[in-house]
N, C-alpha and C. Protein backbone atom coordinates (compact mmCIF):
# COMPACT_ATOMS: atom_id res chain seq x y z
N UNK A 1 87.51 88.73 98.63
CA UNK A 1 87.51 88.58 97.19
C UNK A 1 86.46 89.52 96.60
N UNK A 2 86.85 90.13 95.51
CA UNK A 2 85.96 90.98 94.74
C UNK A 2 85.99 90.50 93.30
N UNK A 3 84.96 90.82 92.53
CA UNK A 3 85.03 90.48 91.11
C UNK A 3 86.24 91.18 90.47
N UNK A 4 86.91 90.50 89.57
CA UNK A 4 88.05 91.10 88.86
C UNK A 4 87.51 91.99 87.75
N UNK A 5 87.01 93.14 88.16
CA UNK A 5 86.40 94.10 87.23
C UNK A 5 86.97 95.48 87.51
N UNK A 6 87.03 96.28 86.47
CA UNK A 6 87.60 97.63 86.58
C UNK A 6 86.92 98.46 87.66
N UNK A 7 85.64 98.24 87.91
CA UNK A 7 84.91 99.02 88.92
C UNK A 7 85.49 98.84 90.32
N UNK A 8 86.22 97.77 90.58
CA UNK A 8 86.76 97.50 91.92
C UNK A 8 88.21 97.93 92.08
N UNK A 9 88.84 98.41 91.04
CA UNK A 9 90.24 98.83 91.13
C UNK A 9 90.38 100.01 92.09
N UNK A 10 89.50 100.97 91.99
CA UNK A 10 89.54 102.13 92.89
C UNK A 10 89.34 101.72 94.34
N UNK A 11 88.46 100.76 94.59
CA UNK A 11 88.24 100.27 95.95
C UNK A 11 89.50 99.60 96.50
N UNK A 12 90.22 98.88 95.65
CA UNK A 12 91.47 98.24 96.07
C UNK A 12 92.50 99.29 96.44
N UNK A 13 92.62 100.32 95.64
CA UNK A 13 93.56 101.41 95.91
C UNK A 13 93.18 102.13 97.21
N UNK A 14 91.89 102.38 97.40
CA UNK A 14 91.42 103.06 98.62
C UNK A 14 91.69 102.21 99.86
N UNK A 15 91.43 100.91 99.78
CA UNK A 15 91.71 99.98 100.88
C UNK A 15 93.19 100.07 101.27
N UNK A 16 94.05 100.04 100.25
CA UNK A 16 95.50 100.10 100.49
C UNK A 16 95.87 101.40 101.17
N UNK A 17 95.37 102.50 100.67
CA UNK A 17 95.67 103.81 101.24
C UNK A 17 95.24 103.91 102.71
N UNK A 18 94.02 103.48 102.97
CA UNK A 18 93.50 103.55 104.34
C UNK A 18 94.28 102.67 105.30
N UNK A 19 94.54 101.44 104.92
CA UNK A 19 95.24 100.51 105.80
C UNK A 19 96.67 100.97 106.07
N UNK A 20 97.38 101.37 105.05
CA UNK A 20 98.76 101.79 105.25
C UNK A 20 98.85 103.10 106.02
N UNK A 21 97.83 103.94 105.89
CA UNK A 21 97.76 105.14 106.72
C UNK A 21 97.59 104.78 108.19
N UNK A 22 96.73 103.80 108.47
CA UNK A 22 96.55 103.33 109.85
C UNK A 22 97.83 102.71 110.40
N UNK A 23 98.58 102.05 109.54
CA UNK A 23 99.84 101.43 109.96
C UNK A 23 100.94 102.44 110.14
N UNK A 24 100.72 103.68 109.71
CA UNK A 24 101.69 104.75 109.90
C UNK A 24 102.88 104.71 108.95
N UNK A 25 102.72 104.15 107.77
CA UNK A 25 103.82 104.11 106.83
C UNK A 25 104.11 105.50 106.27
N UNK A 26 105.34 105.72 105.91
CA UNK A 26 105.76 106.98 105.32
C UNK A 26 104.99 107.22 104.02
N UNK A 27 104.77 108.49 103.70
CA UNK A 27 104.00 108.85 102.50
C UNK A 27 104.59 108.22 101.24
N UNK A 28 105.90 108.21 101.11
CA UNK A 28 106.55 107.63 99.93
C UNK A 28 106.18 106.16 99.76
N UNK A 29 106.18 105.41 100.87
CA UNK A 29 105.83 103.99 100.82
C UNK A 29 104.34 103.79 100.51
N UNK A 30 103.49 104.63 101.11
CA UNK A 30 102.05 104.51 100.84
C UNK A 30 101.74 104.77 99.37
N UNK A 31 102.34 105.81 98.82
CA UNK A 31 102.08 106.16 97.42
C UNK A 31 102.57 105.05 96.50
N UNK A 32 103.76 104.52 96.75
CA UNK A 32 104.29 103.44 95.92
C UNK A 32 103.38 102.21 96.02
N UNK A 33 102.94 101.86 97.22
CA UNK A 33 102.07 100.70 97.41
C UNK A 33 100.73 100.90 96.70
N UNK A 34 100.18 102.11 96.77
CA UNK A 34 98.93 102.39 96.07
C UNK A 34 99.09 102.20 94.57
N UNK A 35 100.21 102.65 94.02
CA UNK A 35 100.45 102.49 92.58
C UNK A 35 100.62 101.01 92.21
N UNK A 36 101.32 100.26 93.06
CA UNK A 36 101.49 98.83 92.81
C UNK A 36 100.13 98.13 92.80
N UNK A 37 99.33 98.38 93.84
CA UNK A 37 98.01 97.74 93.92
C UNK A 37 97.13 98.17 92.76
N UNK A 38 97.16 99.45 92.42
CA UNK A 38 96.35 99.95 91.31
C UNK A 38 96.71 99.23 90.02
N UNK A 39 97.98 99.10 89.73
CA UNK A 39 98.41 98.46 88.48
C UNK A 39 98.06 96.97 88.47
N UNK A 40 98.33 96.28 89.59
CA UNK A 40 98.06 94.84 89.62
C UNK A 40 96.56 94.54 89.61
N UNK A 41 95.76 95.35 90.29
CA UNK A 41 94.30 95.15 90.27
C UNK A 41 93.75 95.46 88.87
N UNK A 42 94.29 96.50 88.24
CA UNK A 42 93.85 96.82 86.87
C UNK A 42 94.22 95.69 85.91
N UNK A 43 95.40 95.10 86.09
CA UNK A 43 95.79 93.97 85.25
C UNK A 43 94.85 92.79 85.47
N UNK A 44 94.50 92.52 86.73
CA UNK A 44 93.58 91.42 87.03
C UNK A 44 92.24 91.65 86.35
N UNK A 45 91.76 92.89 86.39
CA UNK A 45 90.48 93.21 85.76
C UNK A 45 90.59 93.16 84.23
N UNK A 46 91.66 93.69 83.71
CA UNK A 46 91.83 93.79 82.26
C UNK A 46 92.06 92.43 81.60
N UNK A 47 92.85 91.59 82.25
CA UNK A 47 93.23 90.34 81.62
C UNK A 47 92.38 89.17 82.07
N UNK A 48 91.45 89.44 82.92
CA UNK A 48 90.29 88.64 83.10
C UNK A 48 90.28 87.34 83.84
N UNK A 49 90.28 87.38 85.10
CA UNK A 49 89.96 86.22 85.92
C UNK A 49 88.66 86.56 86.65
N UNK A 50 88.05 85.59 87.25
CA UNK A 50 86.72 85.78 87.85
C UNK A 50 86.76 86.66 89.10
N UNK A 51 87.69 86.38 90.00
CA UNK A 51 87.75 87.08 91.29
C UNK A 51 89.17 87.58 91.51
N UNK A 52 89.30 88.63 92.35
CA UNK A 52 90.63 89.08 92.74
C UNK A 52 90.64 89.38 94.22
N UNK A 53 91.82 89.23 94.81
CA UNK A 53 91.99 89.57 96.22
C UNK A 53 93.33 90.27 96.39
N UNK A 54 93.41 91.07 97.44
CA UNK A 54 94.62 91.83 97.74
C UNK A 54 94.99 91.56 99.19
N UNK A 55 96.25 91.27 99.41
CA UNK A 55 96.74 91.02 100.76
C UNK A 55 97.96 91.90 100.99
N UNK A 56 97.95 92.61 102.11
CA UNK A 56 99.07 93.46 102.49
C UNK A 56 99.59 92.99 103.83
N UNK A 57 100.88 92.83 103.97
CA UNK A 57 101.43 92.51 105.29
C UNK A 57 102.83 93.07 105.42
N UNK A 58 103.14 93.49 106.62
CA UNK A 58 104.47 94.01 106.92
C UNK A 58 105.30 92.86 107.46
N UNK A 59 106.52 92.77 106.97
CA UNK A 59 107.42 91.71 107.38
C UNK A 59 108.81 92.32 107.51
N UNK A 60 109.34 92.33 108.72
CA UNK A 60 110.64 92.96 109.00
C UNK A 60 110.60 94.40 108.50
N UNK A 61 111.45 94.76 107.56
CA UNK A 61 111.46 96.13 107.04
C UNK A 61 110.85 96.20 105.65
N UNK A 62 109.96 95.25 105.32
CA UNK A 62 109.35 95.22 104.00
C UNK A 62 107.84 95.12 104.05
N UNK A 63 107.22 95.62 103.01
CA UNK A 63 105.78 95.50 102.83
C UNK A 63 105.56 94.49 101.71
N UNK A 64 104.82 93.43 102.00
CA UNK A 64 104.52 92.41 101.01
C UNK A 64 103.10 92.64 100.50
N UNK A 65 102.98 92.79 99.19
CA UNK A 65 101.68 92.99 98.54
C UNK A 65 101.44 91.79 97.64
N UNK A 66 100.30 91.14 97.85
CA UNK A 66 99.94 90.00 97.01
C UNK A 66 98.59 90.29 96.37
N UNK A 67 98.54 90.23 95.05
CA UNK A 67 97.28 90.36 94.31
C UNK A 67 97.07 89.04 93.59
N UNK A 68 95.92 88.43 93.86
CA UNK A 68 95.58 87.14 93.28
C UNK A 68 94.31 87.28 92.46
N UNK A 69 94.33 86.71 91.27
CA UNK A 69 93.07 86.61 90.53
C UNK A 69 92.85 85.14 90.22
N UNK A 70 91.60 84.73 90.33
CA UNK A 70 91.29 83.31 90.21
C UNK A 70 90.15 83.08 89.25
N UNK A 71 90.02 81.84 88.85
CA UNK A 71 88.96 81.49 87.91
C UNK A 71 89.54 81.32 86.53
N UNK A 72 88.67 81.11 85.58
CA UNK A 72 89.12 80.92 84.20
C UNK A 72 89.42 82.26 83.56
N UNK A 73 90.50 82.29 82.80
CA UNK A 73 90.87 83.52 82.10
C UNK A 73 89.84 83.82 81.03
N UNK A 74 89.52 85.10 80.87
CA UNK A 74 88.70 85.54 79.75
C UNK A 74 89.66 85.81 78.61
N UNK A 75 89.39 85.23 77.48
CA UNK A 75 90.28 85.42 76.34
C UNK A 75 89.74 86.54 75.46
N UNK A 76 90.62 87.46 75.12
CA UNK A 76 90.25 88.57 74.26
C UNK A 76 90.64 88.22 72.84
N UNK A 77 90.05 88.89 71.90
CA UNK A 77 90.33 88.62 70.49
C UNK A 77 91.61 89.28 70.01
N UNK A 78 92.43 89.75 70.93
CA UNK A 78 93.67 90.41 70.58
C UNK A 78 93.54 91.91 70.51
N UNK A 79 92.32 92.40 70.45
CA UNK A 79 92.11 93.84 70.42
C UNK A 79 92.24 94.38 71.83
N UNK A 80 92.68 95.60 71.92
CA UNK A 80 92.78 96.25 73.22
C UNK A 80 91.39 96.37 73.83
N UNK A 81 91.21 96.01 75.13
CA UNK A 81 89.88 96.06 75.74
C UNK A 81 89.39 97.47 75.99
N UNK A 82 90.23 98.45 75.77
CA UNK A 82 89.82 99.83 75.92
C UNK A 82 90.37 100.62 74.74
N UNK A 83 90.32 101.91 74.80
CA UNK A 83 90.76 102.72 73.67
C UNK A 83 92.24 103.08 73.74
N UNK A 84 92.98 102.52 74.69
CA UNK A 84 94.40 102.82 74.81
C UNK A 84 95.16 102.19 73.64
N UNK A 85 96.03 102.94 72.99
CA UNK A 85 96.80 102.37 71.88
C UNK A 85 97.61 101.16 72.36
N UNK A 86 97.79 100.15 71.49
CA UNK A 86 98.50 98.93 71.88
C UNK A 86 99.90 99.18 72.44
N UNK A 87 100.62 100.22 71.95
CA UNK A 87 101.97 100.45 72.44
C UNK A 87 101.99 101.00 73.87
N UNK A 88 100.84 101.36 74.42
CA UNK A 88 100.76 101.84 75.80
C UNK A 88 100.56 100.69 76.78
N UNK A 89 100.26 99.48 76.31
CA UNK A 89 100.06 98.32 77.18
C UNK A 89 101.39 97.64 77.44
N UNK A 90 101.46 96.91 78.55
CA UNK A 90 102.63 96.11 78.82
C UNK A 90 103.70 96.79 79.65
N UNK A 91 103.49 98.01 80.06
CA UNK A 91 104.48 98.72 80.85
C UNK A 91 104.21 98.63 82.35
N UNK A 92 103.05 98.20 82.71
CA UNK A 92 102.65 98.19 84.12
C UNK A 92 103.49 97.32 85.01
N UNK A 93 103.82 96.11 84.56
CA UNK A 93 104.64 95.23 85.40
C UNK A 93 106.04 95.79 85.58
N UNK A 94 106.55 96.49 84.58
CA UNK A 94 107.87 97.11 84.74
C UNK A 94 107.81 98.21 85.80
N UNK A 95 106.74 98.98 85.80
CA UNK A 95 106.55 100.00 86.83
C UNK A 95 106.47 99.34 88.21
N UNK A 96 105.69 98.26 88.31
CA UNK A 96 105.56 97.52 89.57
C UNK A 96 106.93 97.03 90.03
N UNK A 97 107.69 96.46 89.13
CA UNK A 97 109.02 95.93 89.50
C UNK A 97 109.92 97.03 90.04
N UNK A 98 109.88 98.19 89.42
CA UNK A 98 110.74 99.30 89.87
C UNK A 98 110.30 99.83 91.23
N UNK A 99 109.01 99.90 91.45
CA UNK A 99 108.51 100.41 92.74
C UNK A 99 108.68 99.39 93.86
N UNK A 100 108.54 98.12 93.54
CA UNK A 100 108.53 97.09 94.58
C UNK A 100 109.93 96.64 94.96
N UNK A 101 110.80 96.49 94.03
CA UNK A 101 112.11 95.95 94.33
C UNK A 101 112.16 94.45 94.09
N UNK A 102 111.13 93.73 94.48
CA UNK A 102 111.06 92.28 94.27
C UNK A 102 109.65 91.92 93.81
N UNK A 103 109.58 91.17 92.71
CA UNK A 103 108.29 90.76 92.16
C UNK A 103 108.37 89.32 91.68
N UNK A 104 107.40 88.50 92.10
CA UNK A 104 107.30 87.11 91.64
C UNK A 104 105.89 86.89 91.10
N UNK A 105 105.80 86.22 89.95
CA UNK A 105 104.51 85.93 89.33
C UNK A 105 104.33 84.42 89.29
N UNK A 106 103.20 83.96 89.79
CA UNK A 106 102.89 82.53 89.81
C UNK A 106 101.60 82.31 89.03
N UNK A 107 101.67 81.54 87.95
CA UNK A 107 100.49 81.18 87.15
C UNK A 107 100.23 79.69 87.31
N UNK A 108 98.97 79.34 87.49
CA UNK A 108 98.58 77.93 87.47
C UNK A 108 97.12 77.84 87.04
N UNK A 109 96.56 76.65 87.10
CA UNK A 109 95.19 76.45 86.63
C UNK A 109 94.16 77.21 87.46
N UNK A 110 94.52 77.62 88.66
CA UNK A 110 93.58 78.36 89.52
C UNK A 110 93.63 79.86 89.29
N UNK A 111 94.65 80.34 88.59
CA UNK A 111 94.74 81.77 88.33
C UNK A 111 96.17 82.27 88.40
N UNK A 112 96.30 83.54 88.72
CA UNK A 112 97.61 84.20 88.79
C UNK A 112 97.76 84.86 90.15
N UNK A 113 98.97 84.75 90.70
CA UNK A 113 99.29 85.42 91.96
C UNK A 113 100.58 86.22 91.73
N UNK A 114 100.51 87.51 92.02
CA UNK A 114 101.69 88.37 91.91
C UNK A 114 102.04 88.82 93.31
N UNK A 115 103.28 88.53 93.72
CA UNK A 115 103.76 88.88 95.05
C UNK A 115 104.90 89.88 94.89
N UNK A 116 104.76 91.04 95.52
CA UNK A 116 105.81 92.04 95.48
C UNK A 116 106.25 92.35 96.91
N UNK A 117 107.50 92.76 97.04
CA UNK A 117 108.01 93.20 98.34
C UNK A 117 108.72 94.52 98.13
N UNK A 118 108.38 95.49 98.97
CA UNK A 118 109.01 96.81 98.94
C UNK A 118 109.68 97.07 100.28
N UNK A 119 110.94 97.41 100.24
CA UNK A 119 111.63 97.82 101.47
C UNK A 119 111.02 99.13 101.93
N UNK A 120 110.77 99.24 103.23
CA UNK A 120 110.14 100.43 103.77
C UNK A 120 111.19 101.45 104.21
N UNK A 121 110.79 102.71 104.11
CA UNK A 121 111.67 103.79 104.55
C UNK A 121 111.97 103.62 106.04
N UNK A 122 113.19 103.91 106.47
CA UNK A 122 113.55 103.75 107.89
C UNK A 122 113.04 104.90 108.75
N UNK A 123 111.73 104.99 108.86
CA UNK A 123 111.10 106.01 109.69
C UNK A 123 110.35 105.32 110.81
N UNK A 124 109.92 106.09 111.80
CA UNK A 124 109.10 105.49 112.85
C UNK A 124 107.76 105.10 112.26
N UNK A 125 107.33 103.90 112.60
CA UNK A 125 106.04 103.41 112.14
C UNK A 125 105.22 103.03 113.35
N UNK A 126 103.96 103.33 113.31
CA UNK A 126 103.05 103.01 114.39
C UNK A 126 102.09 101.93 113.92
N UNK A 127 102.03 100.82 114.66
CA UNK A 127 101.12 99.73 114.33
C UNK A 127 100.23 99.50 115.54
N UNK A 128 98.92 99.62 115.36
CA UNK A 128 97.94 99.41 116.41
C UNK A 128 98.29 100.20 117.67
N UNK A 129 98.72 101.46 117.48
CA UNK A 129 98.97 102.31 118.64
C UNK A 129 100.32 102.13 119.28
N UNK A 130 101.15 101.22 118.79
CA UNK A 130 102.48 100.99 119.35
C UNK A 130 103.49 101.57 118.38
N UNK A 131 104.34 102.47 118.84
CA UNK A 131 105.34 103.07 117.99
C UNK A 131 106.66 102.36 118.21
N UNK A 132 107.29 101.98 117.09
CA UNK A 132 108.60 101.36 117.21
C UNK A 132 109.60 102.16 116.41
N UNK A 133 110.74 102.49 117.01
CA UNK A 133 111.73 103.27 116.26
C UNK A 133 112.37 102.41 115.18
N UNK A 134 112.75 103.08 114.11
CA UNK A 134 113.44 102.37 113.03
C UNK A 134 114.85 102.03 113.48
N UNK A 135 115.37 100.92 112.96
CA UNK A 135 116.74 100.56 113.34
C UNK A 135 117.72 101.01 112.31
């Protein structure tokens, strides 16, 4: 868990890039996953929960990305928290949905959890030094 602050968004993206590189995912999948994590971590920081966490796992031919933010929501006065014009906000989840293929959002008193699944390219992937051919 890291604080849900803009300063940690880059670290989340870097973590994703490094881990998926070690897992041997195709460049297209790594780039898409980095964009998904970047957008979801930025949303967690922007819309304000206390802590955020990122979980990546491979399941069959899919990559599951879960970004959770927890704690009490910080309420904004309706003004944009940065200098971005209001019409530029609200497009991030649509981008995530297009890149991921499957997106579920769970809100409750503990926070928000966004779970995405992206089908992986049918290339050879190496996990912990073991190479498995794509089917």
